N, C-alpha and C. Protein backbone atom coordinates (compact mmCIF):
# COMPACT_ATOMS: atom_id res chain seq x y z
N MET A 1 -170.65 80.63 -29.73
CA MET A 1 -171.79 79.89 -29.68
C MET A 1 -172.43 79.32 -30.83
N GLU A 2 -172.84 77.98 -30.86
CA GLU A 2 -173.53 77.75 -32.39
C GLU A 2 -174.99 77.99 -32.09
N GLN A 3 -175.55 78.28 -33.34
CA GLN A 3 -176.81 78.63 -33.43
C GLN A 3 -177.55 77.29 -33.49
N GLU A 4 -178.65 77.30 -32.76
CA GLU A 4 -179.68 75.87 -32.66
C GLU A 4 -180.49 76.03 -34.04
N SER A 5 -180.63 74.69 -34.62
CA SER A 5 -181.03 74.59 -35.99
C SER A 5 -182.58 74.62 -35.65
N THR A 6 -183.32 74.91 -36.75
CA THR A 6 -184.93 74.91 -36.68
C THR A 6 -185.43 73.47 -35.93
N ARG A 7 -184.86 72.60 -36.43
CA ARG A 7 -185.10 71.15 -36.08
C ARG A 7 -185.18 70.97 -34.65
N GLN A 8 -183.75 71.51 -34.09
CA GLN A 8 -183.63 71.42 -32.42
C GLN A 8 -184.59 72.15 -31.65
N LEU A 9 -184.95 73.60 -32.43
CA LEU A 9 -185.85 74.30 -31.68
C LEU A 9 -187.15 73.65 -31.60
N LYS A 10 -187.63 72.94 -32.62
CA LYS A 10 -188.80 72.53 -32.72
C LYS A 10 -188.98 71.21 -31.90
N VAL A 11 -187.96 70.37 -31.90
CA VAL A 11 -188.01 69.18 -31.03
C VAL A 11 -187.92 69.66 -29.53
N ALA A 12 -187.20 70.51 -29.33
CA ALA A 12 -187.17 71.11 -27.71
C ALA A 12 -188.53 71.66 -27.39
N LYS A 13 -189.00 72.30 -28.26
CA LYS A 13 -190.57 72.92 -27.76
C LYS A 13 -191.52 71.85 -27.61
N GLN A 14 -191.42 70.66 -28.59
CA GLN A 14 -192.21 69.68 -28.46
C GLN A 14 -192.10 68.70 -27.05
N ILE A 15 -190.74 68.66 -26.61
CA ILE A 15 -190.31 67.77 -25.80
C ILE A 15 -190.59 68.72 -24.35
N GLN A 16 -190.47 69.96 -24.38
CA GLN A 16 -190.97 70.63 -23.24
C GLN A 16 -192.30 70.63 -23.07
N LYS A 17 -193.30 70.83 -24.08
CA LYS A 17 -194.67 70.63 -23.93
C LYS A 17 -195.17 69.16 -23.31
N ASP A 18 -194.39 68.23 -23.88
CA ASP A 18 -194.89 66.72 -23.40
C ASP A 18 -194.36 66.56 -22.11
N LEU A 19 -193.07 67.08 -21.65
CA LEU A 19 -192.73 66.75 -20.29
C LEU A 19 -193.50 67.52 -19.31
N ALA A 20 -193.74 68.79 -19.52
CA ALA A 20 -194.66 69.58 -18.72
C ALA A 20 -196.01 68.88 -18.49
N GLU A 21 -196.43 68.38 -19.55
CA GLU A 21 -197.93 67.70 -19.34
C GLU A 21 -197.75 66.40 -18.55
N MET A 22 -196.62 65.67 -18.81
CA MET A 22 -196.53 64.59 -17.96
C MET A 22 -196.25 64.82 -16.62
N ILE A 23 -195.45 65.89 -16.13
CA ILE A 23 -195.30 66.23 -14.72
C ILE A 23 -196.74 66.89 -14.42
N ARG A 24 -197.18 67.60 -14.94
CA ARG A 24 -198.58 68.30 -14.55
C ARG A 24 -199.35 67.07 -14.15
N ALA A 25 -199.51 65.88 -14.99
CA ALA A 25 -200.44 64.89 -14.76
C ALA A 25 -200.23 63.99 -13.57
N ARG A 26 -199.08 63.98 -13.19
CA ARG A 26 -198.52 63.35 -11.88
C ARG A 26 -199.08 64.02 -10.65
N GLY A 27 -199.29 65.35 -10.82
CA GLY A 27 -199.89 66.24 -9.96
C GLY A 27 -198.91 66.69 -8.87
N MET A 28 -199.34 67.62 -8.14
CA MET A 28 -198.37 68.19 -7.14
C MET A 28 -198.00 67.35 -5.89
N ALA A 29 -199.08 66.48 -5.74
CA ALA A 29 -198.85 65.60 -4.54
C ALA A 29 -197.77 64.59 -4.98
N ALA A 30 -197.42 64.33 -6.20
CA ALA A 30 -196.30 63.43 -6.38
C ALA A 30 -194.83 64.06 -6.11
N TYR A 31 -195.02 65.47 -6.10
CA TYR A 31 -193.65 66.23 -5.77
C TYR A 31 -193.72 66.84 -4.56
N LYS A 32 -194.42 66.24 -3.48
CA LYS A 32 -194.57 66.89 -2.18
C LYS A 32 -194.96 68.18 -2.20
N GLY A 33 -196.25 68.38 -2.90
CA GLY A 33 -196.73 69.63 -3.06
C GLY A 33 -195.97 70.71 -3.64
N ALA A 34 -194.97 70.64 -4.21
CA ALA A 34 -194.32 71.62 -5.04
C ALA A 34 -195.00 71.66 -6.49
N LEU A 35 -194.66 72.94 -6.90
CA LEU A 35 -195.01 73.25 -8.20
C LEU A 35 -193.90 73.10 -9.10
N VAL A 36 -194.08 72.25 -10.20
CA VAL A 36 -192.83 72.02 -10.93
C VAL A 36 -193.21 72.35 -12.32
N THR A 37 -192.43 73.38 -12.94
CA THR A 37 -192.63 74.06 -14.25
C THR A 37 -191.31 73.72 -15.14
N VAL A 38 -191.73 73.25 -16.28
CA VAL A 38 -190.65 72.86 -17.29
C VAL A 38 -190.59 74.32 -18.04
N SER A 39 -189.38 75.14 -17.59
CA SER A 39 -189.31 76.28 -18.30
C SER A 39 -188.56 76.43 -19.65
N GLY A 40 -187.97 75.31 -19.89
CA GLY A 40 -187.17 75.27 -21.19
C GLY A 40 -186.59 74.19 -21.34
N VAL A 41 -186.30 73.76 -22.81
CA VAL A 41 -185.54 72.53 -22.98
C VAL A 41 -184.48 72.82 -24.07
N LYS A 42 -183.32 72.37 -23.82
CA LYS A 42 -182.30 72.68 -24.94
C LYS A 42 -181.78 71.31 -25.46
N MET A 43 -181.79 71.09 -26.92
CA MET A 43 -181.43 69.72 -27.60
C MET A 43 -179.83 69.94 -28.07
N THR A 44 -179.38 68.76 -28.02
CA THR A 44 -178.02 68.56 -28.72
C THR A 44 -178.19 68.49 -30.04
N PRO A 45 -177.31 68.90 -31.00
CA PRO A 45 -177.34 68.96 -32.56
C PRO A 45 -177.87 67.65 -33.11
N ASP A 46 -177.45 66.42 -32.41
CA ASP A 46 -177.87 65.14 -32.92
C ASP A 46 -179.26 64.65 -32.48
N LEU A 47 -179.94 65.70 -31.48
CA LEU A 47 -181.16 65.33 -30.97
C LEU A 47 -181.14 64.04 -29.88
N SER A 48 -180.11 63.62 -29.39
CA SER A 48 -179.94 62.48 -28.59
C SER A 48 -179.98 62.75 -27.06
N CYS A 49 -179.83 64.20 -26.74
CA CYS A 49 -180.07 64.46 -25.36
C CYS A 49 -180.71 65.85 -25.10
N ALA A 50 -181.70 65.78 -24.18
CA ALA A 50 -182.44 66.88 -23.95
C ALA A 50 -182.01 67.39 -22.51
N LYS A 51 -181.70 68.74 -22.44
CA LYS A 51 -181.60 69.40 -21.22
C LYS A 51 -182.98 70.26 -20.78
N ALA A 52 -183.58 69.47 -19.63
CA ALA A 52 -184.66 70.17 -19.52
C ALA A 52 -184.52 71.05 -18.10
N TYR A 53 -184.91 72.30 -18.29
CA TYR A 53 -184.95 73.30 -17.12
C TYR A 53 -186.22 73.47 -16.38
N VAL A 54 -186.13 73.10 -14.97
CA VAL A 54 -187.48 73.20 -14.35
C VAL A 54 -187.18 74.04 -13.14
N SER A 55 -188.37 74.93 -12.99
CA SER A 55 -188.46 75.87 -11.76
C SER A 55 -189.19 75.13 -10.96
N ILE A 56 -189.06 75.25 -9.56
CA ILE A 56 -189.72 74.74 -8.40
C ILE A 56 -190.18 75.57 -7.52
N PHE A 57 -191.45 75.63 -7.22
CA PHE A 57 -191.99 76.52 -6.23
C PHE A 57 -192.66 75.78 -5.10
N PRO A 58 -192.31 75.95 -4.00
CA PRO A 58 -191.58 76.87 -3.17
C PRO A 58 -189.90 76.36 -3.60
N SER A 59 -189.10 77.39 -3.47
CA SER A 59 -187.67 76.80 -4.00
C SER A 59 -187.06 75.98 -2.76
N SER A 60 -187.76 76.05 -1.41
CA SER A 60 -187.24 75.36 -0.45
C SER A 60 -187.25 73.86 -0.78
N LYS A 61 -188.26 73.37 -1.71
CA LYS A 61 -188.25 71.86 -2.07
C LYS A 61 -187.53 71.60 -3.20
N ALA A 62 -186.72 72.46 -3.92
CA ALA A 62 -186.16 72.25 -5.00
C ALA A 62 -185.03 70.94 -4.88
N GLY A 63 -184.26 70.92 -4.03
CA GLY A 63 -183.36 69.77 -3.79
C GLY A 63 -184.01 68.56 -3.78
N GLU A 64 -185.22 68.19 -2.93
CA GLU A 64 -185.81 67.07 -3.03
C GLU A 64 -186.44 66.76 -4.17
N VAL A 65 -187.06 67.67 -4.85
CA VAL A 65 -187.83 67.64 -6.19
C VAL A 65 -186.89 67.03 -7.36
N MET A 66 -185.79 67.82 -7.41
CA MET A 66 -184.59 67.62 -8.27
C MET A 66 -184.25 66.13 -8.21
N LYS A 67 -184.23 65.45 -7.07
CA LYS A 67 -183.75 64.07 -6.62
C LYS A 67 -184.97 63.27 -7.16
N MET A 68 -186.06 63.67 -6.95
CA MET A 68 -187.34 62.87 -7.46
C MET A 68 -187.18 62.76 -8.83
N LEU A 69 -187.17 63.76 -9.70
CA LEU A 69 -187.15 63.87 -11.26
C LEU A 69 -185.84 63.04 -11.48
N GLU A 70 -184.71 63.23 -11.13
CA GLU A 70 -183.42 62.30 -11.35
C GLU A 70 -183.76 60.88 -11.25
N ASP A 71 -184.54 60.44 -10.11
CA ASP A 71 -184.75 59.14 -9.94
C ASP A 71 -185.94 58.74 -10.88
N GLU A 72 -186.69 59.49 -11.25
CA GLU A 72 -187.91 58.71 -12.38
C GLU A 72 -187.58 59.17 -13.77
N LYS A 73 -186.41 59.72 -14.09
CA LYS A 73 -185.85 59.89 -15.39
C LYS A 73 -186.06 58.82 -16.36
N GLY A 74 -185.87 57.64 -15.92
CA GLY A 74 -186.00 56.48 -17.00
C GLY A 74 -187.64 56.42 -17.44
N ALA A 75 -188.40 56.60 -16.30
CA ALA A 75 -190.02 56.33 -16.43
C ALA A 75 -190.28 57.52 -17.46
N LEU A 76 -189.95 58.71 -16.89
CA LEU A 76 -190.00 59.77 -17.94
C LEU A 76 -189.78 59.61 -19.30
N ARG A 77 -188.61 59.17 -19.46
CA ARG A 77 -187.95 58.79 -20.84
C ARG A 77 -189.17 57.83 -21.76
N GLY A 78 -189.39 56.77 -20.94
CA GLY A 78 -190.22 55.83 -21.39
C GLY A 78 -191.56 56.42 -21.98
N GLU A 79 -192.12 57.14 -21.16
CA GLU A 79 -193.45 57.91 -21.41
C GLU A 79 -193.28 58.85 -22.49
N LEU A 80 -192.16 59.61 -22.61
CA LEU A 80 -191.93 60.49 -23.55
C LEU A 80 -191.68 59.67 -24.86
N GLY A 81 -191.03 58.46 -24.86
CA GLY A 81 -190.64 57.73 -26.14
C GLY A 81 -192.22 57.38 -26.74
N ARG A 82 -193.23 57.09 -25.90
CA ARG A 82 -194.65 56.66 -26.53
C ARG A 82 -195.15 57.93 -27.12
N LEU A 83 -194.92 59.09 -26.66
CA LEU A 83 -195.50 60.30 -27.20
C LEU A 83 -194.66 60.75 -28.48
N VAL A 84 -193.35 60.61 -28.53
CA VAL A 84 -192.61 61.33 -29.66
C VAL A 84 -192.29 60.13 -30.50
N ALA A 85 -192.69 58.91 -30.38
CA ALA A 85 -192.36 57.81 -31.11
C ALA A 85 -192.57 57.98 -32.80
N LYS A 86 -193.54 58.54 -33.13
CA LYS A 86 -193.73 59.02 -34.60
C LYS A 86 -192.83 60.11 -35.11
N GLN A 87 -192.50 61.10 -34.31
CA GLN A 87 -191.59 62.22 -34.73
C GLN A 87 -190.09 61.76 -34.70
N LEU A 88 -189.65 60.94 -33.65
CA LEU A 88 -188.22 60.93 -33.62
C LEU A 88 -187.75 59.56 -33.79
N ARG A 89 -186.47 59.48 -34.30
CA ARG A 89 -185.86 58.12 -34.45
C ARG A 89 -185.57 57.45 -33.10
N ILE A 90 -184.88 58.36 -32.46
CA ILE A 90 -184.44 58.10 -30.96
C ILE A 90 -185.07 59.00 -29.91
N VAL A 91 -185.31 58.41 -28.76
CA VAL A 91 -185.85 59.13 -27.71
C VAL A 91 -184.67 59.64 -26.95
N PRO A 92 -184.57 61.07 -26.73
CA PRO A 92 -183.48 61.79 -26.21
C PRO A 92 -183.43 61.31 -24.64
N GLU A 93 -182.06 61.13 -24.29
CA GLU A 93 -181.63 60.95 -22.76
C GLU A 93 -182.03 62.32 -22.19
N LEU A 94 -182.64 62.18 -21.23
CA LEU A 94 -183.11 63.44 -20.49
C LEU A 94 -182.01 63.73 -19.13
N SER A 95 -181.96 65.09 -18.84
CA SER A 95 -181.38 65.30 -17.84
C SER A 95 -181.84 66.75 -17.32
N PHE A 96 -182.04 66.85 -15.99
CA PHE A 96 -182.68 67.84 -15.52
C PHE A 96 -181.80 68.96 -14.90
N TYR A 97 -182.26 70.34 -14.99
CA TYR A 97 -181.35 71.36 -14.19
C TYR A 97 -182.47 72.30 -13.90
N LEU A 98 -181.89 72.72 -12.58
CA LEU A 98 -182.77 73.70 -11.89
C LEU A 98 -182.82 75.10 -12.51
N ASP A 99 -183.77 75.81 -12.95
CA ASP A 99 -183.95 76.97 -13.24
C ASP A 99 -184.23 77.88 -12.18
N ASP A 100 -183.24 78.61 -11.48
CA ASP A 100 -183.67 79.36 -10.57
C ASP A 100 -183.75 80.96 -10.86
N SER A 101 -184.17 81.23 -11.96
CA SER A 101 -184.34 82.58 -12.57
C SER A 101 -185.54 83.16 -11.60
N LEU A 102 -186.76 82.51 -11.14
CA LEU A 102 -187.52 82.93 -10.45
C LEU A 102 -186.95 83.37 -9.04
N ASP A 103 -186.02 82.66 -8.27
CA ASP A 103 -185.37 83.11 -7.35
C ASP A 103 -184.70 84.28 -7.31
N TYR A 104 -184.01 84.33 -8.44
CA TYR A 104 -183.21 85.64 -8.87
C TYR A 104 -184.23 86.73 -8.83
N VAL A 105 -185.17 86.80 -9.65
CA VAL A 105 -186.27 87.71 -9.84
C VAL A 105 -186.52 88.14 -8.32
N GLU A 106 -187.12 87.33 -7.54
CA GLU A 106 -187.58 87.54 -6.04
C GLU A 106 -186.53 88.16 -5.44
N HIS A 107 -185.36 87.82 -5.54
CA HIS A 107 -184.17 88.53 -4.72
C HIS A 107 -183.92 89.96 -5.29
N ILE A 108 -183.99 89.98 -6.48
CA ILE A 108 -183.86 91.47 -7.11
C ILE A 108 -185.09 92.40 -6.73
N ASP A 109 -186.32 91.64 -6.71
CA ASP A 109 -187.44 92.47 -6.45
C ASP A 109 -187.33 92.87 -4.81
N ASN A 110 -186.86 92.06 -3.91
CA ASN A 110 -186.49 92.32 -2.61
C ASN A 110 -185.67 93.42 -2.36
N LEU A 111 -184.53 93.49 -3.19
CA LEU A 111 -183.52 94.45 -3.03
C LEU A 111 -184.13 95.94 -3.56
N LEU A 112 -185.01 95.84 -4.59
CA LEU A 112 -185.56 96.97 -4.79
C LEU A 112 -186.40 97.56 -4.06
N LYS A 113 -187.04 96.74 -3.17
CA LYS A 113 -188.21 97.15 -2.02
C LYS A 113 -187.51 97.79 -0.88
N LYS A 114 -186.17 97.48 -0.93
CA LYS A 114 -185.49 98.05 0.31
C LYS A 114 -185.05 99.36 0.25
């Protein structure tokens, strides 16, 4: 597996911060009361695509919230474009992936309690 460049990591960190802020600003009501956290972002080497990993609590709303994020991908990218216009030549395409590591932790926790 290829090592990510310093530039990729910096851009990913900035996009993670900006996306998290944009989602937080919309409020939990926008996502049917679910708490949406951007847990990480991975950039392609050419910085044209950003894979955003989100964790959703409660996980029972994950499917619904993922669809909402998918539907507003264009609007989020536009907003992101205004925030990163000075730093990046192209605004990366966004794709959202569910980070279910919290569910995994909870599952392991429950197994350990038994």
